[in-house]
């Protein structure tokens, strides 16, 4: 019974991480002035939505019928809310915040995988999500470098101001 509770808690952590990532990228798409990034941010938001759906199915498979409180204030949620604020008021670049979001999401996944009692099938799917996040991080980096190569750089912090 103890393992079932931990499994449910681990899945809820990952669902929450994907929910917050999805919300962040929806916000980023709204404020981005770069068409390529706008599309990429929508793609990342959709990726997290799909991940949430898959993880929710696993949650049901583990016997949890609990309704998720996606408004629960977690440290992860507070950090993302703060980043949205910083980007909106141009205290921090959007590219820096996106990089942080990807790192935070991957960190959540790695923490769950490291100390997990989830089934091998569940872990395989979680590992696939993690690989997709790594691909997303590379796409983000490549897309952020392209404007710099064209000579559109922010002189204050050597990154592109995308908001």
N, C-alpha and C. Protein backbone atom coordinates (compact mmCIF):
# COMPACT_ATOMS: atom_id res chain seq x y z
N UNK A 1 0.82 -1.20 0.00
CA UNK A 1 0.00 0.00 0.00
C UNK A 1 0.87 1.26 0.00
N UNK A 2 1.99 1.19 0.74
CA UNK A 2 2.89 2.34 0.83
C UNK A 2 3.46 2.69 -0.54
N UNK A 3 3.81 1.66 -1.33
CA UNK A 3 4.34 1.90 -2.67
C UNK A 3 3.30 2.54 -3.58
N UNK A 4 2.05 2.14 -3.45
CA UNK A 4 0.99 2.71 -4.27
C UNK A 4 0.86 4.20 -3.99
N UNK A 5 0.92 4.58 -2.72
CA UNK A 5 0.82 5.99 -2.35
C UNK A 5 1.99 6.77 -2.94
N UNK A 6 3.19 6.22 -2.82
CA UNK A 6 4.38 6.89 -3.38
C UNK A 6 4.28 6.99 -4.90
N UNK A 7 3.81 5.93 -5.54
CA UNK A 7 3.66 5.96 -7.00
C UNK A 7 2.70 7.06 -7.43
N UNK A 8 1.58 7.16 -6.72
CA UNK A 8 0.59 8.19 -7.03
C UNK A 8 1.20 9.57 -6.82
N UNK A 9 1.92 9.75 -5.72
CA UNK A 9 2.56 11.04 -5.44
C UNK A 9 3.58 11.40 -6.53
N UNK A 10 4.35 10.41 -6.98
CA UNK A 10 5.34 10.65 -8.03
C UNK A 10 4.66 11.07 -9.33
N UNK A 11 3.59 10.38 -9.69
CA UNK A 11 2.87 10.72 -10.91
C UNK A 11 2.24 12.10 -10.81
N UNK A 12 1.71 12.43 -9.65
CA UNK A 12 1.12 13.76 -9.45
C UNK A 12 2.21 14.83 -9.61
N UNK A 13 3.40 14.59 -9.08
CA UNK A 13 4.52 15.54 -9.24
C UNK A 13 4.80 15.81 -10.71
N UNK A 14 4.82 14.75 -11.51
CA UNK A 14 5.13 14.90 -12.92
C UNK A 14 3.98 15.58 -13.68
N UNK A 15 2.76 15.27 -13.29
CA UNK A 15 1.61 15.93 -13.91
C UNK A 15 1.65 17.42 -13.60
N UNK A 16 1.97 17.76 -12.35
CA UNK A 16 2.06 19.17 -11.96
C UNK A 16 3.19 19.87 -12.72
N UNK A 17 4.33 19.20 -12.86
CA UNK A 17 5.45 19.80 -13.58
C UNK A 17 5.06 20.07 -15.03
N UNK A 18 4.36 19.13 -15.64
CA UNK A 18 3.91 19.33 -17.02
C UNK A 18 2.85 20.42 -17.12
N UNK A 19 1.99 20.48 -16.14
CA UNK A 19 0.96 21.53 -16.13
C UNK A 19 1.62 22.91 -16.07
N UNK A 20 2.58 23.07 -15.19
CA UNK A 20 3.26 24.35 -15.05
C UNK A 20 4.07 24.69 -16.29
N UNK A 21 4.72 23.68 -16.86
CA UNK A 21 5.49 23.91 -18.10
C UNK A 21 4.54 24.35 -19.21
N UNK A 22 3.41 23.68 -19.31
CA UNK A 22 2.41 24.04 -20.33
C UNK A 22 1.95 25.49 -20.14
N UNK A 23 1.63 25.86 -18.91
CA UNK A 23 1.16 27.22 -18.63
C UNK A 23 2.25 28.25 -18.93
N UNK A 24 3.49 27.93 -18.58
CA UNK A 24 4.59 28.85 -18.86
C UNK A 24 4.73 29.10 -20.35
N UNK A 25 4.72 28.01 -21.14
CA UNK A 25 4.91 28.18 -22.58
C UNK A 25 3.72 28.84 -23.26
N UNK A 26 2.53 28.66 -22.74
CA UNK A 26 1.38 29.40 -23.27
C UNK A 26 1.61 30.90 -23.05
N UNK A 27 2.09 31.24 -21.86
CA UNK A 27 2.38 32.65 -21.55
C UNK A 27 3.52 33.15 -22.43
N UNK A 28 4.56 32.35 -22.58
CA UNK A 28 5.71 32.75 -23.40
C UNK A 28 5.28 32.98 -24.85
N UNK A 29 4.39 32.15 -25.37
CA UNK A 29 3.92 32.32 -26.74
C UNK A 29 3.17 33.64 -26.89
N UNK A 30 2.41 34.00 -25.87
CA UNK A 30 1.66 35.25 -25.93
C UNK A 30 2.55 36.48 -25.98
N UNK A 31 3.69 36.43 -25.28
CA UNK A 31 4.53 37.62 -25.21
C UNK A 31 5.69 37.61 -26.19
N UNK A 32 5.93 36.49 -26.85
CA UNK A 32 7.03 36.40 -27.80
C UNK A 32 6.71 37.18 -29.06
N UNK A 33 7.71 37.87 -29.56
CA UNK A 33 7.56 38.63 -30.81
C UNK A 33 8.25 37.91 -31.97
N UNK A 34 8.77 36.74 -31.71
CA UNK A 34 9.47 35.96 -32.72
C UNK A 34 8.55 34.83 -33.17
N UNK A 35 8.21 34.78 -34.46
CA UNK A 35 7.26 33.79 -34.98
C UNK A 35 7.74 32.35 -34.78
N UNK A 36 9.04 32.12 -34.98
CA UNK A 36 9.57 30.76 -34.80
C UNK A 36 9.41 30.32 -33.35
N UNK A 37 9.73 31.23 -32.42
CA UNK A 37 9.60 30.89 -31.01
C UNK A 37 8.13 30.73 -30.61
N UNK A 38 7.28 31.57 -31.16
CA UNK A 38 5.86 31.47 -30.87
C UNK A 38 5.36 30.06 -31.19
N UNK A 39 5.70 29.56 -32.37
CA UNK A 39 5.30 28.22 -32.78
C UNK A 39 5.93 27.15 -31.89
N UNK A 40 7.20 27.33 -31.57
CA UNK A 40 7.91 26.37 -30.73
C UNK A 40 7.30 26.32 -29.33
N UNK A 41 6.95 27.48 -28.78
CA UNK A 41 6.34 27.52 -27.45
C UNK A 41 4.99 26.81 -27.45
N UNK A 42 4.21 26.98 -28.51
CA UNK A 42 2.94 26.26 -28.60
C UNK A 42 3.18 24.76 -28.69
N UNK A 43 4.21 24.37 -29.42
CA UNK A 43 4.57 22.95 -29.53
C UNK A 43 4.95 22.39 -28.15
N UNK A 44 5.74 23.14 -27.39
CA UNK A 44 6.14 22.69 -26.05
C UNK A 44 4.93 22.60 -25.11
N UNK A 45 4.02 23.55 -25.20
CA UNK A 45 2.81 23.52 -24.37
C UNK A 45 1.98 22.29 -24.71
N UNK A 46 1.85 22.00 -25.99
CA UNK A 46 1.09 20.83 -26.42
C UNK A 46 1.79 19.54 -25.95
N UNK A 47 3.10 19.52 -26.03
CA UNK A 47 3.87 18.35 -25.58
C UNK A 47 3.56 18.06 -24.10
N UNK A 48 3.53 19.10 -23.29
CA UNK A 48 3.24 18.90 -21.86
C UNK A 48 1.80 18.49 -21.63
N UNK A 49 0.89 18.98 -22.47
CA UNK A 49 -0.51 18.58 -22.35
C UNK A 49 -0.65 17.08 -22.63
N UNK A 50 0.02 16.61 -23.66
CA UNK A 50 -0.01 15.18 -24.01
C UNK A 50 0.62 14.36 -22.88
N UNK A 51 1.74 14.84 -22.35
CA UNK A 51 2.39 14.14 -21.23
C UNK A 51 1.44 14.02 -20.04
N UNK A 52 0.72 15.10 -19.73
CA UNK A 52 -0.24 15.08 -18.62
C UNK A 52 -1.30 14.02 -18.86
N UNK A 53 -1.80 13.93 -20.08
CA UNK A 53 -2.81 12.93 -20.41
C UNK A 53 -2.29 11.52 -20.20
N UNK A 54 -1.07 11.27 -20.67
CA UNK A 54 -0.47 9.94 -20.50
C UNK A 54 -0.25 9.61 -19.02
N UNK A 55 0.27 10.57 -18.29
CA UNK A 55 0.53 10.34 -16.87
C UNK A 55 -0.78 10.16 -16.09
N UNK A 56 -1.82 10.85 -16.50
CA UNK A 56 -3.12 10.69 -15.84
C UNK A 56 -3.67 9.28 -16.04
N UNK A 57 -3.42 8.72 -17.22
CA UNK A 57 -3.85 7.33 -17.45
C UNK A 57 -3.11 6.37 -16.53
N UNK A 58 -1.81 6.64 -16.32
CA UNK A 58 -1.05 5.80 -15.39
C UNK A 58 -1.58 5.98 -13.97
N UNK A 59 -1.94 7.19 -13.64
CA UNK A 59 -2.50 7.48 -12.31
C UNK A 59 -3.74 6.63 -12.07
N UNK A 60 -4.60 6.55 -13.07
CA UNK A 60 -5.81 5.73 -12.97
C UNK A 60 -5.43 4.25 -12.88
N UNK A 61 -4.44 3.84 -13.67
CA UNK A 61 -4.00 2.44 -13.65
C UNK A 61 -3.47 2.03 -12.28
N UNK A 62 -2.89 2.98 -11.55
CA UNK A 62 -2.39 2.69 -10.21
C UNK A 62 -3.50 2.77 -9.17
N UNK A 63 -4.72 3.02 -9.62
CA UNK A 63 -5.86 2.98 -8.73
C UNK A 63 -6.24 4.29 -8.09
N UNK A 64 -5.70 5.37 -8.57
CA UNK A 64 -6.04 6.66 -7.99
C UNK A 64 -7.19 7.29 -8.75
N UNK A 65 -8.20 7.64 -8.01
CA UNK A 65 -9.34 8.33 -8.60
C UNK A 65 -9.39 9.77 -8.09
N UNK A 66 -8.30 10.19 -7.45
CA UNK A 66 -8.29 11.53 -6.86
C UNK A 66 -8.31 12.61 -7.93
N UNK A 67 -9.01 13.66 -7.63
CA UNK A 67 -9.01 14.82 -8.53
C UNK A 67 -7.75 15.62 -8.23
N UNK A 68 -7.04 16.00 -9.26
CA UNK A 68 -5.81 16.75 -9.07
C UNK A 68 -6.11 18.22 -8.84
N UNK A 69 -5.44 18.79 -7.87
CA UNK A 69 -5.55 20.22 -7.62
C UNK A 69 -4.41 20.91 -8.35
N UNK A 70 -4.69 21.34 -9.56
CA UNK A 70 -3.65 21.96 -10.38
C UNK A 70 -3.40 23.41 -9.98
N UNK A 71 -4.09 23.87 -8.95
CA UNK A 71 -3.85 25.23 -8.46
C UNK A 71 -3.01 25.23 -7.19
N UNK A 72 -2.66 24.05 -6.72
CA UNK A 72 -1.86 23.91 -5.51
C UNK A 72 -0.56 24.70 -5.64
N UNK A 73 -0.24 25.50 -4.63
CA UNK A 73 0.95 26.35 -4.69
C UNK A 73 2.18 25.56 -4.26
N UNK A 74 3.00 25.19 -5.22
CA UNK A 74 4.23 24.46 -4.94
C UNK A 74 5.42 25.39 -5.19
N UNK A 75 6.57 24.97 -4.76
CA UNK A 75 7.79 25.75 -5.00
C UNK A 75 8.00 25.89 -6.50
N UNK A 76 7.77 24.84 -7.23
CA UNK A 76 7.91 24.84 -8.68
C UNK A 76 6.98 25.89 -9.28
N UNK A 77 5.72 25.90 -8.84
CA UNK A 77 4.72 26.85 -9.36
C UNK A 77 5.12 28.29 -9.01
N UNK A 78 5.60 28.51 -7.80
CA UNK A 78 6.02 29.85 -7.39
C UNK A 78 7.19 30.33 -8.24
N UNK A 79 8.13 29.44 -8.52
CA UNK A 79 9.29 29.81 -9.34
C UNK A 79 8.85 30.20 -10.75
N UNK A 80 7.93 29.44 -11.33
CA UNK A 80 7.45 29.76 -12.67
C UNK A 80 6.65 31.06 -12.68
N UNK A 81 5.86 31.28 -11.66
CA UNK A 81 5.10 32.52 -11.57
C UNK A 81 6.05 33.71 -11.48
N UNK A 82 7.12 33.56 -10.72
CA UNK A 82 8.11 34.63 -10.58
C UNK A 82 8.80 34.88 -11.93
N UNK A 83 9.12 33.81 -12.65
CA UNK A 83 9.76 33.99 -13.95
C UNK A 83 8.84 34.72 -14.92
N UNK A 84 7.55 34.39 -14.91
CA UNK A 84 6.59 35.10 -15.77
C UNK A 84 6.61 36.60 -15.45
N UNK A 85 6.66 36.91 -14.17
CA UNK A 85 6.71 38.31 -13.73
C UNK A 85 7.98 38.97 -14.23
N UNK A 86 9.12 38.30 -14.05
CA UNK A 86 10.40 38.87 -14.46
C UNK A 86 10.48 39.10 -15.97
N UNK A 87 9.93 38.17 -16.74
CA UNK A 87 9.93 38.33 -18.20
C UNK A 87 9.00 39.47 -18.59
N UNK A 88 7.83 39.53 -17.98
CA UNK A 88 6.86 40.57 -18.31
C UNK A 88 7.41 41.96 -18.05
N UNK A 89 8.20 42.09 -17.01
CA UNK A 89 8.78 43.40 -16.66
C UNK A 89 10.23 43.54 -17.10
N UNK A 90 10.65 42.64 -17.99
CA UNK A 90 11.97 42.69 -18.63
C UNK A 90 13.14 42.69 -17.64
N UNK A 91 12.94 42.05 -16.51
CA UNK A 91 14.05 41.90 -15.55
C UNK A 91 14.94 40.73 -15.95
N UNK A 92 14.38 39.81 -16.69
CA UNK A 92 15.10 38.61 -17.07
C UNK A 92 14.67 38.25 -18.50
N UNK A 93 15.57 37.75 -19.29
CA UNK A 93 15.24 37.44 -20.68
C UNK A 93 14.35 36.20 -20.75
N UNK A 94 13.52 36.18 -21.76
CA UNK A 94 12.64 35.04 -21.98
C UNK A 94 13.46 33.79 -22.25
N UNK A 95 14.54 33.92 -22.99
CA UNK A 95 15.38 32.76 -23.29
C UNK A 95 15.96 32.15 -22.02
N UNK A 96 16.39 32.98 -21.09
CA UNK A 96 16.92 32.49 -19.81
C UNK A 96 15.84 31.75 -19.03
N UNK A 97 14.65 32.31 -19.00
CA UNK A 97 13.55 31.66 -18.27
C UNK A 97 13.15 30.34 -18.91
N UNK A 98 13.13 30.28 -20.24
CA UNK A 98 12.80 29.03 -20.93
C UNK A 98 13.81 27.94 -20.61
N UNK A 99 15.07 28.32 -20.60
CA UNK A 99 16.13 27.37 -20.26
C UNK A 99 15.94 26.86 -18.83
N UNK A 100 15.58 27.74 -17.93
CA UNK A 100 15.34 27.36 -16.54
C UNK A 100 14.14 26.43 -16.43
N UNK A 101 13.07 26.72 -17.15
CA UNK A 101 11.88 25.87 -17.12
C UNK A 101 12.22 24.46 -17.59
N UNK A 102 12.97 24.37 -18.67
CA UNK A 102 13.35 23.04 -19.17
C UNK A 102 14.20 22.29 -18.13
N UNK A 103 15.14 22.98 -17.52
CA UNK A 103 16.00 22.35 -16.52
C UNK A 103 15.18 21.91 -15.30
N UNK A 104 14.25 22.75 -14.86
CA UNK A 104 13.41 22.41 -13.70
C UNK A 104 12.54 21.19 -13.99
N UNK A 105 11.97 21.13 -15.18
CA UNK A 105 11.11 20.01 -15.55
C UNK A 105 11.93 18.72 -15.61
N UNK A 106 13.09 18.79 -16.24
CA UNK A 106 13.94 17.61 -16.32
C UNK A 106 14.39 17.16 -14.93
N UNK A 107 14.64 18.11 -14.06
CA UNK A 107 15.06 17.78 -12.69
C UNK A 107 13.94 17.02 -11.95
N UNK A 108 12.69 17.45 -12.13
CA UNK A 108 11.55 16.74 -11.53
C UNK A 108 11.50 15.30 -12.03
N UNK A 109 11.64 15.14 -13.32
CA UNK A 109 11.58 13.81 -13.91
C UNK A 109 12.71 12.93 -13.39
N UNK A 110 13.92 13.47 -13.35
CA UNK A 110 15.06 12.69 -12.87
C UNK A 110 14.89 12.30 -11.41
N UNK A 111 14.36 13.19 -10.60
CA UNK A 111 14.14 12.89 -9.18
C UNK A 111 13.14 11.75 -9.02
N UNK A 112 12.09 11.77 -9.81
CA UNK A 112 11.09 10.69 -9.73
C UNK A 112 11.70 9.37 -10.20
N UNK A 113 12.45 9.42 -11.29
CA UNK A 113 13.04 8.19 -11.82
C UNK A 113 14.09 7.60 -10.89
N UNK A 114 14.79 8.47 -10.19
CA UNK A 114 15.88 8.03 -9.31
C UNK A 114 15.35 7.21 -8.12
N UNK A 115 14.27 7.67 -7.55
CA UNK A 115 13.75 7.05 -6.33
C UNK A 115 12.32 6.60 -6.55
N UNK A 116 12.14 5.68 -7.50
CA UNK A 116 10.79 5.31 -7.88
C UNK A 116 10.52 3.83 -7.68
N UNK A 117 9.27 3.56 -7.37
CA UNK A 117 8.80 2.18 -7.31
C UNK A 117 7.77 1.93 -8.40
N UNK A 118 7.75 2.80 -9.39
CA UNK A 118 6.82 2.65 -10.51
C UNK A 118 7.19 1.44 -11.35
N UNK A 119 6.22 0.92 -12.08
CA UNK A 119 6.46 -0.24 -12.93
C UNK A 119 7.45 0.10 -14.04
N UNK A 120 8.03 -0.93 -14.62
CA UNK A 120 8.98 -0.72 -15.72
C UNK A 120 8.31 -0.05 -16.91
N UNK A 121 7.06 -0.41 -17.18
CA UNK A 121 6.33 0.20 -18.30
C UNK A 121 6.13 1.70 -18.05
N UNK A 122 5.79 2.05 -16.84
CA UNK A 122 5.60 3.46 -16.50
C UNK A 122 6.92 4.20 -16.61
N UNK A 123 7.98 3.61 -16.09
CA UNK A 123 9.30 4.24 -16.15
C UNK A 123 9.79 4.42 -17.58
N UNK A 124 9.46 3.46 -18.45
CA UNK A 124 9.83 3.60 -19.87
C UNK A 124 9.15 4.83 -20.48
N UNK A 125 7.87 5.00 -20.17
CA UNK A 125 7.17 6.16 -20.71
C UNK A 125 7.72 7.46 -20.12
N UNK A 126 8.01 7.46 -18.84
CA UNK A 126 8.59 8.64 -18.20
C UNK A 126 9.96 8.95 -18.80
N UNK A 127 10.73 7.92 -19.06
CA UNK A 127 12.04 8.10 -19.70
C UNK A 127 11.87 8.69 -21.10
N UNK A 128 10.83 8.26 -21.82
CA UNK A 128 10.56 8.82 -23.15
C UNK A 128 10.22 10.30 -23.05
N UNK A 129 9.43 10.67 -22.04
CA UNK A 129 9.12 12.09 -21.82
C UNK A 129 10.41 12.86 -21.60
N UNK A 130 11.28 12.32 -20.77
CA UNK A 130 12.55 12.98 -20.46
C UNK A 130 13.39 13.15 -21.72
N UNK A 131 13.46 12.13 -22.56
CA UNK A 131 14.20 12.26 -23.82
C UNK A 131 13.59 13.35 -24.70
N UNK A 132 12.26 13.43 -24.73
CA UNK A 132 11.60 14.47 -25.52
C UNK A 132 11.91 15.86 -24.97
N UNK A 133 12.02 15.98 -23.65
CA UNK A 133 12.40 17.27 -23.06
C UNK A 133 13.82 17.66 -23.45
N UNK A 134 14.70 16.67 -23.52
CA UNK A 134 16.07 16.96 -23.93
C UNK A 134 16.11 17.43 -25.38
N UNK A 135 15.29 16.82 -26.22
CA UNK A 135 15.19 17.26 -27.62
C UNK A 135 14.63 18.69 -27.66
N UNK A 136 13.62 18.95 -26.84
CA UNK A 136 13.03 20.29 -26.78
C UNK A 136 14.07 21.32 -26.36
N UNK A 137 14.90 20.96 -25.39
CA UNK A 137 15.95 21.88 -24.94
C UNK A 137 16.91 22.21 -26.07
N UNK A 138 17.26 21.20 -26.84
CA UNK A 138 18.16 21.43 -27.99
C UNK A 138 17.48 22.31 -29.04
N UNK A 139 16.20 22.03 -29.31
CA UNK A 139 15.46 22.86 -30.27
C UNK A 139 15.43 24.31 -29.80
N UNK A 140 15.18 24.50 -28.52
CA UNK A 140 15.12 25.84 -27.96
C UNK A 140 16.46 26.54 -28.14
N UNK A 141 17.54 25.86 -27.80
CA UNK A 141 18.87 26.43 -27.93
C UNK A 141 19.16 26.79 -29.39
N UNK A 142 18.85 25.89 -30.31
CA UNK A 142 19.09 26.15 -31.73
C UNK A 142 18.28 27.35 -32.22
N UNK A 143 17.03 27.44 -31.79
CA UNK A 143 16.17 28.53 -32.22
C UNK A 143 16.63 29.86 -31.64
N UNK A 144 17.13 29.82 -30.41
CA UNK A 144 17.61 31.05 -29.79
C UNK A 144 18.92 31.53 -30.39
N UNK A 145 19.73 30.61 -30.91
CA UNK A 145 21.01 30.97 -31.50
C UNK A 145 20.81 31.57 -32.89
N UNK A 146 19.81 31.12 -33.63
CA UNK A 146 19.58 31.61 -35.00
C UNK A 146 19.46 33.13 -35.09
N UNK A 147 18.66 33.79 -34.23
CA UNK A 147 18.61 35.26 -34.33
C UNK A 147 19.95 35.92 -34.03
N UNK A 148 20.73 35.34 -33.14
CA UNK A 148 22.03 35.91 -32.81
C UNK A 148 22.96 35.82 -34.01
N UNK A 149 22.87 34.70 -34.73
CA UNK A 149 23.72 34.53 -35.91
C UNK A 149 23.38 35.57 -36.98
N UNK A 150 22.14 36.02 -36.97
CA UNK A 150 21.71 37.03 -37.94
C UNK A 150 22.08 38.43 -37.47
N UNK A 151 22.70 38.52 -36.29
CA UNK A 151 23.17 39.80 -35.80
C UNK A 151 22.17 40.55 -34.94
N UNK A 152 21.16 39.87 -34.42
CA UNK A 152 20.15 40.51 -33.58
C UNK A 152 20.44 40.09 -32.15
N UNK A 153 21.36 40.76 -31.50
CA UNK A 153 21.72 40.41 -30.14
C UNK A 153 21.44 41.56 -29.21
N UNK A 154 21.13 41.21 -27.97
CA UNK A 154 20.93 42.19 -26.93
C UNK A 154 22.30 42.48 -26.35
N UNK A 155 22.71 43.71 -26.34
CA UNK A 155 24.07 44.05 -25.93
C UNK A 155 24.28 44.00 -24.43
N UNK A 156 23.20 43.97 -23.65
CA UNK A 156 23.38 43.98 -22.19
C UNK A 156 23.74 42.63 -21.63
N UNK A 157 23.15 41.54 -22.15
CA UNK A 157 23.44 40.26 -21.55
C UNK A 157 23.80 39.18 -22.59
N UNK A 158 24.14 39.59 -23.78
CA UNK A 158 24.58 38.68 -24.85
C UNK A 158 23.53 37.65 -25.21
N UNK A 159 22.26 37.89 -24.92
CA UNK A 159 21.20 36.99 -25.34
C UNK A 159 20.16 37.79 -26.10
N UNK A 160 19.34 37.08 -26.81
CA UNK A 160 18.33 37.74 -27.61
C UNK A 160 17.16 38.12 -26.74
N UNK A 161 16.70 39.34 -26.86
CA UNK A 161 15.51 39.77 -26.15
C UNK A 161 14.31 39.41 -26.98
N UNK A 162 13.59 38.39 -26.57
CA UNK A 162 12.52 37.85 -27.37
C UNK A 162 11.15 38.30 -26.92
N UNK A 163 11.12 39.05 -25.85
CA UNK A 163 9.81 39.49 -25.35
C UNK A 163 9.62 40.96 -25.63
